[in-house]
Amino acid sequence: MNENLSLGRIAGIHVGLNWSLLVVAALIAWSLATGILPSASPGQTSGAYWTAGVVSAFLFLVSLLAHELAHSIVAMRRGVRVEGITLWLFGGVSRFSSDTSSPGAQALITFVGPLTSLVLGALFYLVSAAFGGGAHPGLLSATLAWLGYINILLGVFNLLPAFPLDGGRLLQSLIWLRTGDRLRATSIAARIGMVFAFLLIAYGLASFLLAGNLIGGIWSVFLGWFLLTAARSEEASGLIRQALSGISVAEVMTPNPVQAPDDISVEDALHRYVLASRHSTFPTHDAVGRLSGLLTMAALKNVAPDARAATLVKEVACPLDRVSIASPADPVNNLLGLPEGCSEGRTLVVDGGRLVGIISPSDISRLVQRSLSGRAQAPAGKR
């Protein structure tokens, strides 16, 4: 899922959302205002129901964010590098650019998310009771009770052992602890996740065909399909990470990339660098030689031909704070799964403040192909 809107940083962690989450928020507000709240607390005005529905949808999104922040904050304290959080249709994703060092650390990072949702759910229920919950609750109490219910449901659902849900990752951690083999644990957990996904798809189809539940059936099929795709992707990612295990950034990078000054025009950059070189991406430096960003072909193409002479490279280059940076000794596995952003997936390699190399997605792809090909051709006793 791609980030469409940046929400800034919370506790030092970048947070963004995908447009699909706004659709979910609108559906939640509508269902609360037109069905759930009028049934739970009748006799209120339409405006009151809609106000409660919109506020509840917002608080639900805040609850999702709290769930993901719990993952990310604990991960950072355990030495895992956190790229950011993206909220989307199925909740949220915390993006890590390095792996956990032990099954215990992974289990802790995973469990705090559902725990946060369960605690929030309990707190909402307690506050609901304090405001007069019961058989005939007021609108405020009914709204808080729904927030309690949805958070507890979120926490319980995430604890299902369906990889890559939190419960599936807890199962992976347990298998990893018992076997000492992270790849095997990932493979087993992913296949169990696939079984759950197929069961969810089957339930959705039966719900639609036998009970006529159109919305619920389609939602179950869609969710099952997502879990199936994600589990297969995690299993493939585990194989790739094993193939790249022990390989450093220095072994993959293109050393000493050509740099372009950022105070020249786009027209000059095209003639002096792009057309005169086999490269399509150029790190940029400022007037005193400091690394300042990355000039990509996409950025150049976005400049109209008649504006190239008057547009400076610094105005269109991807700024340095939005480019992935690595050191030569870093594991190349740390670069897997990083968002492309305006740098088009490139990573600049810096050693002691000096640019020494650059890595593109195609560099990693070629390395993966060679590694997997070498493993497939190696004699069984030498793998």
Foldseek 3Di string as FASTA:
>chain_A
DDFDAWPQDDPNATEGEDVQLVVVLVVQLVCQLPPQLCVQANDDDSVVSSVLSNVLSVVLLVLLVVLLVLLVVLCVVQVWAWRHKYQHNVRIDTDTLDDGDALVSQLNSLLRSLVSLQVQLVVLQVVLVVQPDDRHGHSSSSSSNVSSVVSNVVSVVLLPLQPPRSVVSNQLSVVCVVPVDSLVSLLVSLVVNLVVLVVQLVVLVCCCPPVVPPVSSVVSNVVSVVSNVNSVVSNVLSLLCVLQPPPWQLVQWDWDFAAAEQFAFLVCCCVVPVVVDPDFKHFYAYPVGATFAMQGNVLSVVADPVCRRVHTNNVRGGGPVQAAEAERGHRPSSLPPDDCPRVNSKYFYDDPRHTTGIHHPVSSVVSSVVSVVVVVPDPPVPD
